[in-house]
Amino acid sequence: MSDAYRSVIDALSSCKRVLLTTHVRPDGDALGTLAATIMGLKKKNIPADALLLSHLPSKYAFVFTENEIKHFDTEQGWPANLDLANYDAVLVMDTGTWSQLPGLKEKLLSFHGKKIVVDHHLTQEDWADVKLVDTSAAAAGEIATELFERWQVPMDSSIATALFLALVSDTGWFQFSNTKPHTLRMAADLIQAGVDTDRIYQLLYQNERPQRLAIQTRGLQSMQLFADGRLAVMTLSKNDFEESQASVNDTEALINIPLQIATVQVSLLITEPLQPGPIKMSLRSKGHLDCAAFAQSFGGGGHARAAGLKVDGTLANAHSEVTSALLSTPLFSDPAQR
């Protein structure tokens, strides 16, 4: 057993109660991994609670509600009934950077228990006592599945479903390049443990609100192509959200649609927040641009093919600054790469 897996198992085994959390605006990987780990810890007779730094998205709520997993929510501020002193460890999953954990840094830096990170992203910060980071993993759920196997956590259909949600969310139902033979073998084992794949597919891909299609339509209508069609940029304003009655969660997967165009190598989605704050951007690549490295130059981070960043200022200025920076990268500025 690798030292990192052993370290996490040893750290959690000595706990009487654990608080789990994940990045703001959690996706299926984050929530599936969180729910599965809470259920897995219960199998080991270790009570655990969930803390979400933004509202639970309705699309993924089933993995919490069906398993009766209650959670704290900091959307309206720190919960009055949440005291970190009641926990022996805080386990952060699917991120290792403070920028993805708004409002938590001060709390964790003064926390006297163990700080544990389980993640698969390239961008990391060194603040945890115990870290298990595997950047080759397709999803945080893949790491959790491996952790459960090494810890001999009994698998049931509920845990398997949560882990399967994590895998399919971050692999695009096994379409993305991060899908490896190991990922598919793991998925097969989870299906054998009782996952209803047809039901999960319907919940994820055939269960959308009209508002989601409305905001995605606006995003596609805003699309501009640069560098002979190799860079696609979409922009969503606060007004777009208000008129379509959509939420930021409704933009999930919109960033991937321009990549369907043969010439497009990079897709950029620029989103104006509903409340005052920095402009948020999502970046996707077919592999010729290191999205994580580019995002880090703006204080963001992520994966080589998928990353995010924030820029202060107006929507127009943020558009100009980041688009210009992208067009200055060798992928677009070097004639040899055309």
Protein backbone atom coordinates (compact mmCIF):
# COMPACT_ATOMS: atom_id res chain seq x y z
CA MET A 1 0.00 0.00 0.00
CA SER A 2 1.38 3.39 -0.95
CA ASP A 3 2.33 5.70 1.91
CA ALA A 4 -0.33 8.27 0.93
CA TYR A 5 -3.21 5.78 1.08
CA ARG A 6 -1.87 4.33 4.33
CA SER A 7 -1.52 7.81 5.83
CA VAL A 8 -5.15 8.70 5.06
CA ILE A 9 -6.43 5.37 6.40
CA ASP A 10 -4.40 5.74 9.60
CA ALA A 11 -5.52 9.35 10.06
CA LEU A 12 -9.21 8.53 9.62
CA SER A 13 -9.07 5.31 11.66
CA SER A 14 -8.10 7.25 14.77
CA CYS A 15 -11.03 9.68 14.46
CA LYS A 16 -14.24 9.67 16.46
CA ARG A 17 -15.97 12.14 14.12
CA VAL A 18 -15.03 13.67 10.76
CA LEU A 19 -16.26 16.71 8.84
CA LEU A 20 -16.10 16.40 5.05
CA THR A 21 -16.23 19.24 2.57
CA THR A 22 -15.40 20.02 -1.05
CA HIS A 23 -15.01 22.93 -3.43
CA VAL A 24 -17.56 25.67 -3.92
CA ARG A 25 -20.18 24.98 -6.64
CA PRO A 26 -19.69 21.22 -6.29
CA ASP A 27 -20.07 18.95 -9.30
CA GLY A 28 -21.01 15.28 -9.51
CA ASP A 29 -17.50 14.08 -8.75
CA ALA A 30 -17.26 16.21 -5.61
CA LEU A 31 -20.71 15.31 -4.30
CA GLY A 32 -20.57 11.65 -5.27
CA THR A 33 -17.18 11.25 -3.59
CA LEU A 34 -18.35 13.14 -0.51
CA ALA A 35 -21.51 11.06 -0.13
CA ALA A 36 -19.69 7.77 -0.74
CA THR A 37 -17.00 8.61 1.81
CA ILE A 38 -19.55 9.53 4.48
CA MET A 39 -21.26 6.18 3.92
CA GLY A 40 -17.91 4.38 3.84
CA LEU A 41 -16.84 5.94 7.13
CA LYS A 42 -20.14 4.82 8.64
CA LYS A 43 -19.23 1.24 7.67
CA LYS A 44 -16.08 1.75 9.75
CA ASN A 45 -18.18 3.09 12.67
CA ILE A 46 -16.85 6.63 12.21
CA PRO A 47 -19.64 9.25 12.19
CA ALA A 48 -19.19 11.96 9.58
CA ASP A 49 -20.96 15.15 8.51
CA ALA A 50 -20.95 17.10 5.24
CA LEU A 51 -20.26 20.80 4.83
CA LEU A 52 -21.14 22.46 1.51
CA LEU A 53 -19.82 25.91 0.69
CA SER A 54 -22.74 26.59 -1.67
CA HIS A 55 -26.22 25.16 -2.14
CA LEU A 56 -26.62 21.49 -3.04
CA PRO A 57 -27.36 21.42 -6.81
CA SER A 58 -30.73 19.82 -7.51
CA LYS A 59 -29.20 17.71 -10.28
CA TYR A 60 -27.07 15.77 -7.79
CA ALA A 61 -29.26 16.06 -4.69
CA PHE A 62 -30.47 12.47 -5.00
CA VAL A 63 -27.14 11.08 -3.81
CA PHE A 64 -27.65 12.95 -0.53
CA THR A 65 -31.42 12.70 -0.05
CA GLU A 66 -31.76 9.03 -0.97
CA ASN A 67 -29.03 8.12 1.50
CA GLU A 68 -30.36 10.47 4.21
CA ILE A 69 -27.12 12.45 4.27
CA LYS A 70 -27.73 15.79 5.93
CA HIS A 71 -25.36 18.67 5.39
CA PHE A 72 -24.34 22.07 6.68
CA ASP A 73 -24.52 24.92 4.18
CA THR A 74 -22.46 28.13 4.36
CA GLU A 75 -24.34 29.92 1.56
CA GLN A 76 -25.83 32.31 4.13
CA GLY A 77 -22.78 32.36 6.38
CA TRP A 78 -21.16 29.96 8.82
CA PRO A 79 -23.82 27.72 10.45
CA ALA A 80 -24.38 28.64 14.09
CA ASN A 81 -24.59 24.97 15.10
CA LEU A 82 -21.32 23.94 13.39
CA ASP A 83 -18.33 23.85 15.73
CA LEU A 84 -15.09 22.42 14.31
CA ALA A 85 -14.02 21.55 17.85
CA ASN A 86 -16.48 18.64 17.64
CA TYR A 87 -14.38 16.95 14.94
CA ASP A 88 -11.06 15.13 15.01
CA ALA A 89 -10.43 15.78 11.32
CA VAL A 90 -11.63 17.84 8.38
CA LEU A 91 -11.41 15.91 5.11
CA VAL A 92 -11.37 18.10 1.99
CA MET A 93 -12.17 16.25 -1.23
CA ASP A 94 -11.70 17.16 -4.89
CA THR A 95 -9.63 20.29 -4.26
CA GLY A 96 -6.47 21.33 -2.51
CA THR A 97 -6.53 25.11 -2.97
CA TRP A 98 -7.91 27.88 -0.77
CA SER A 99 -9.45 29.69 -3.75
CA GLN A 100 -11.92 26.81 -4.07
CA LEU A 101 -12.77 26.92 -0.37
CA PRO A 102 -14.11 30.45 0.26
CA GLY A 103 -14.56 31.30 3.93
CA LEU A 104 -12.79 28.16 5.14
CA LYS A 105 -9.13 29.18 5.28
CA GLU A 106 -9.28 31.04 8.58
CA LYS A 107 -11.37 28.26 10.15
CA LEU A 108 -9.01 25.50 9.07
CA LEU A 109 -5.78 27.29 9.91
CA SER A 110 -6.97 27.59 13.53
CA PHE A 111 -8.36 24.03 13.59
CA HIS A 112 -6.45 21.78 15.99
CA GLY A 113 -7.46 18.46 14.43
CA LYS A 114 -6.13 16.75 11.31
CA LYS A 115 -6.49 18.48 7.94
CA ILE A 116 -6.73 15.87 5.17
CA VAL A 117 -6.89 16.39 1.40
CA VAL A 118 -7.94 13.77 -1.17
CA ASP A 119 -7.74 15.17 -4.69
CA HIS A 120 -6.76 14.60 -8.32
CA HIS A 121 -6.09 18.15 -9.54
CA LEU A 122 -2.71 19.43 -10.66
CA THR A 123 -3.03 22.70 -8.76
CA GLN A 124 -2.25 22.25 -5.06
CA GLU A 125 -1.29 24.26 -1.99
CA ASP A 126 0.68 22.88 0.93
CA TRP A 127 -1.54 23.31 4.00
CA ALA A 128 -2.88 19.83 4.79
CA ASP A 129 -1.41 17.51 7.42
CA VAL A 130 -2.16 14.47 5.25
CA LYS A 131 -2.49 14.53 1.46
CA LEU A 132 -3.52 11.89 -1.04
CA VAL A 133 -3.23 13.47 -4.49
CA ASP A 134 -3.23 11.35 -7.64
CA THR A 135 -3.26 13.56 -10.74
CA SER A 136 -3.53 10.48 -12.97
CA ALA A 137 -6.94 9.62 -11.51
CA ALA A 138 -9.92 10.42 -13.71
CA ALA A 139 -11.93 11.64 -10.72
CA ALA A 140 -11.71 12.07 -6.97
CA GLY A 141 -14.19 9.21 -6.88
CA GLU A 142 -11.60 6.96 -8.47
CA ILE A 143 -9.21 7.67 -5.58
CA ALA A 144 -11.99 7.08 -3.03
CA THR A 145 -12.86 3.75 -4.66
CA GLU A 146 -9.24 2.66 -4.43
CA LEU A 147 -9.09 3.90 -0.83
CA PHE A 148 -12.16 1.85 0.11
CA GLU A 149 -10.70 -1.28 -1.48
CA ARG A 150 -7.41 -0.92 0.41
CA TRP A 151 -9.23 -0.14 3.66
CA GLN A 152 -11.60 -3.09 3.08
CA VAL A 153 -14.72 -0.94 3.30
CA PRO A 154 -17.74 -3.14 2.46
CA MET A 155 -19.27 -2.06 -0.85
CA ASP A 156 -23.03 -1.80 -1.25
CA SER A 157 -25.27 -0.43 -4.00
CA SER A 158 -25.61 3.01 -2.36
CA ILE A 159 -21.85 3.57 -2.06
CA ALA A 160 -21.31 2.14 -5.53
CA THR A 161 -23.92 4.51 -7.00
CA ALA A 162 -22.29 7.55 -5.38
CA LEU A 163 -18.86 6.52 -6.67
CA PHE A 164 -20.26 5.80 -10.14
CA LEU A 165 -21.78 9.30 -10.17
CA ALA A 166 -18.33 10.68 -9.41
CA LEU A 167 -16.68 8.69 -12.22
CA VAL A 168 -19.21 9.49 -14.95
CA SER A 169 -19.35 13.17 -14.01
CA ASP A 170 -15.64 13.80 -14.48
CA THR A 171 -15.24 11.53 -17.52
CA GLY A 172 -18.30 12.77 -19.41
CA TRP A 173 -19.84 9.30 -19.18
CA PHE A 174 -16.45 7.85 -20.19
CA GLN A 175 -16.05 10.07 -23.27
CA PHE A 176 -13.18 12.28 -22.05
CA SER A 177 -9.48 11.52 -22.52
CA ASN A 178 -9.03 10.91 -18.78
CA THR A 179 -10.93 7.62 -19.16
CA LYS A 180 -8.40 4.82 -18.79
CA PRO A 181 -8.77 1.02 -18.79
CA HIS A 182 -8.50 1.14 -14.99
CA THR A 183 -11.43 3.60 -14.88
CA LEU A 184 -13.64 1.29 -16.93
CA ARG A 185 -12.70 -1.77 -14.86
CA MET A 186 -13.57 0.19 -11.73
CA ALA A 187 -16.89 1.26 -13.24
CA ALA A 188 -17.68 -2.36 -14.13
CA ASP A 189 -17.08 -3.40 -10.52
CA LEU A 190 -19.37 -0.64 -9.30
CA ILE A 191 -22.11 -1.70 -11.72
CA GLN A 192 -21.76 -5.26 -10.49
CA ALA A 193 -22.22 -3.92 -6.95
CA GLY A 194 -25.68 -2.66 -7.88
CA VAL A 195 -25.57 0.60 -9.88
CA ASP A 196 -28.65 1.21 -12.04
CA THR A 197 -26.86 2.86 -14.97
CA ASP A 198 -30.04 3.69 -16.92
CA ARG A 199 -31.49 5.56 -13.96
CA ILE A 200 -28.25 7.47 -13.34
CA TYR A 201 -28.03 8.45 -17.01
CA GLN A 202 -31.60 9.78 -16.97
CA LEU A 203 -30.98 11.74 -13.78
CA LEU A 204 -27.83 13.34 -15.17
CA TYR A 205 -28.64 13.88 -18.84
CA GLN A 206 -32.42 13.67 -19.31
CA ASN A 207 -33.64 15.64 -16.32
CA GLU A 208 -32.92 19.29 -17.14
CA ARG A 209 -34.89 22.43 -16.34
CA PRO A 210 -36.00 24.64 -19.28
CA GLN A 211 -33.90 27.44 -17.77
CA ARG A 212 -30.75 25.39 -18.34
CA LEU A 213 -31.38 25.14 -22.07
CA ALA A 214 -32.29 28.84 -22.16
CA ILE A 215 -28.97 29.97 -20.63
CA GLN A 216 -27.01 27.53 -22.79
CA THR A 217 -28.72 28.94 -25.87
CA ARG A 218 -27.64 32.44 -24.85
CA GLY A 219 -24.11 31.20 -24.32
CA LEU A 220 -23.93 29.65 -27.77
CA GLN A 221 -25.43 32.75 -29.35
CA SER A 222 -22.64 34.81 -27.77
CA MET A 223 -19.88 32.57 -29.13
CA GLN A 224 -17.02 34.28 -30.97
CA LEU A 225 -14.33 32.44 -32.91
CA PHE A 226 -10.74 33.68 -32.99
CA ALA A 227 -7.47 32.54 -34.54
CA ASP A 228 -9.02 30.98 -37.66
CA GLY A 229 -11.69 29.26 -35.60
CA ARG A 230 -9.30 27.63 -33.14
CA LEU A 231 -10.42 29.60 -30.07
CA ALA A 232 -14.09 29.81 -29.05
CA VAL A 233 -15.17 32.39 -26.47
CA MET A 234 -18.65 32.57 -24.93
CA THR A 235 -19.90 35.29 -22.58
CA LEU A 236 -22.81 35.25 -20.13
CA SER A 237 -23.87 38.45 -18.39
CA LYS A 238 -25.83 38.95 -15.21
CA ASN A 239 -28.70 40.09 -17.43
CA ASP A 240 -28.63 36.75 -19.28
CA PHE A 241 -29.19 34.91 -16.01
CA GLU A 242 -31.93 37.25 -14.86
CA GLU A 243 -33.88 37.08 -18.13
CA SER A 244 -33.56 33.29 -18.48
CA GLN A 245 -34.16 32.73 -14.74
CA ALA A 246 -31.20 30.35 -14.77
CA SER A 247 -28.52 29.76 -12.13
CA VAL A 248 -24.78 29.39 -12.51
CA ASN A 249 -25.21 25.63 -12.06
CA ASP A 250 -27.24 25.60 -15.27
CA THR A 251 -24.10 26.46 -17.27
CA GLU A 252 -22.44 23.13 -16.41
CA ALA A 253 -21.16 21.35 -19.57
CA LEU A 254 -21.83 24.42 -21.76
CA ILE A 255 -18.07 24.95 -21.96
CA ASN A 256 -17.67 21.61 -23.80
CA ILE A 257 -20.09 22.32 -26.65
CA PRO A 258 -17.78 24.53 -28.80
CA LEU A 259 -15.22 21.71 -28.79
CA GLN A 260 -17.60 19.87 -31.12
CA ILE A 261 -16.40 22.26 -33.86
CA ALA A 262 -13.57 20.61 -35.76
CA THR A 263 -11.28 23.65 -35.77
CA VAL A 264 -11.76 24.65 -32.12
CA GLN A 265 -8.82 23.72 -29.90
CA VAL A 266 -9.75 25.78 -26.83
CA SER A 267 -13.11 26.84 -25.38
CA LEU A 268 -13.48 29.72 -22.92
CA LEU A 269 -16.66 30.57 -20.99
CA ILE A 270 -16.77 33.99 -19.29
CA THR A 271 -19.47 34.42 -16.65
CA GLU A 272 -20.50 37.59 -14.84
CA PRO A 273 -21.44 36.74 -11.23
CA LEU A 274 -24.95 37.42 -9.96
CA GLN A 275 -23.49 39.15 -6.91
CA PRO A 276 -20.59 41.67 -6.92
CA GLY A 277 -17.28 39.89 -7.36
CA PRO A 278 -14.68 38.78 -9.89
CA ILE A 279 -15.54 37.52 -13.37
CA LYS A 280 -15.45 33.72 -13.45
CA MET A 281 -13.99 31.78 -16.36
CA SER A 282 -13.91 28.13 -17.39
CA LEU A 283 -11.36 26.78 -19.85
CA ARG A 284 -11.31 23.55 -21.86
CA SER A 285 -8.77 22.24 -24.36
CA LYS A 286 -8.45 19.35 -26.78
CA GLY A 287 -4.92 18.88 -25.46
CA HIS A 288 -2.72 21.42 -27.21
CA LEU A 289 -3.00 24.01 -24.41
CA ASP A 290 -2.18 23.29 -20.75
CA CYS A 291 -5.28 24.84 -19.19
CA ALA A 292 -3.98 24.46 -15.64
CA ALA A 293 -0.73 26.29 -16.41
CA PHE A 294 -2.60 29.10 -18.17
CA ALA A 295 -5.14 29.41 -15.34
CA GLN A 296 -2.36 29.52 -12.76
CA SER A 297 -0.98 32.66 -14.41
CA PHE A 298 -4.25 34.31 -13.30
CA GLY A 299 -4.31 32.68 -9.87
CA GLY A 300 -6.58 29.82 -10.94
CA GLY A 301 -5.90 26.17 -11.58
CA GLY A 302 -7.28 22.75 -12.45
CA HIS A 303 -6.34 20.06 -14.95
CA ALA A 304 -4.30 20.12 -18.15
CA ARG A 305 -7.49 20.04 -20.24
CA ALA A 306 -9.95 21.69 -17.85
CA ALA A 307 -9.34 24.62 -15.53
CA GLY A 308 -10.86 27.75 -14.06
CA LEU A 309 -9.83 31.26 -13.11
CA LYS A 310 -11.19 34.60 -11.90
CA VAL A 311 -10.43 38.15 -13.05
CA ASP A 312 -11.39 41.41 -11.37
CA GLY A 313 -13.04 44.17 -13.39
CA THR A 314 -15.86 44.47 -15.87
CA LEU A 315 -17.09 41.71 -18.14
CA ALA A 316 -15.71 43.49 -21.20
CA ASN A 317 -12.29 44.09 -19.66
CA ALA A 318 -12.02 40.51 -18.43
CA HIS A 319 -12.97 39.26 -21.90
CA SER A 320 -10.30 41.42 -23.51
CA GLU A 321 -7.57 40.56 -21.00
CA VAL A 322 -7.95 36.78 -20.99
CA THR A 323 -8.72 36.42 -24.70
CA SER A 324 -5.62 38.46 -25.52
CA ALA A 325 -3.54 36.34 -23.15
CA LEU A 326 -4.80 33.17 -24.81
CA LEU A 327 -4.07 34.48 -28.30
CA SER A 328 -0.54 35.28 -27.13
CA THR A 329 0.19 31.66 -26.18
CA PRO A 330 2.30 29.63 -28.66
CA LEU A 331 -0.75 27.58 -29.64
CA PHE A 332 -2.29 30.64 -31.32
CA SER A 333 0.67 32.97 -31.88
CA ASP A 334 3.18 30.50 -33.34
CA PRO A 335 2.51 29.94 -37.08
CA ALA A 336 4.15 26.52 -36.81
CA GLN A 337 1.26 25.32 -34.62
CA ARG A 338 -1.46 26.22 -37.10
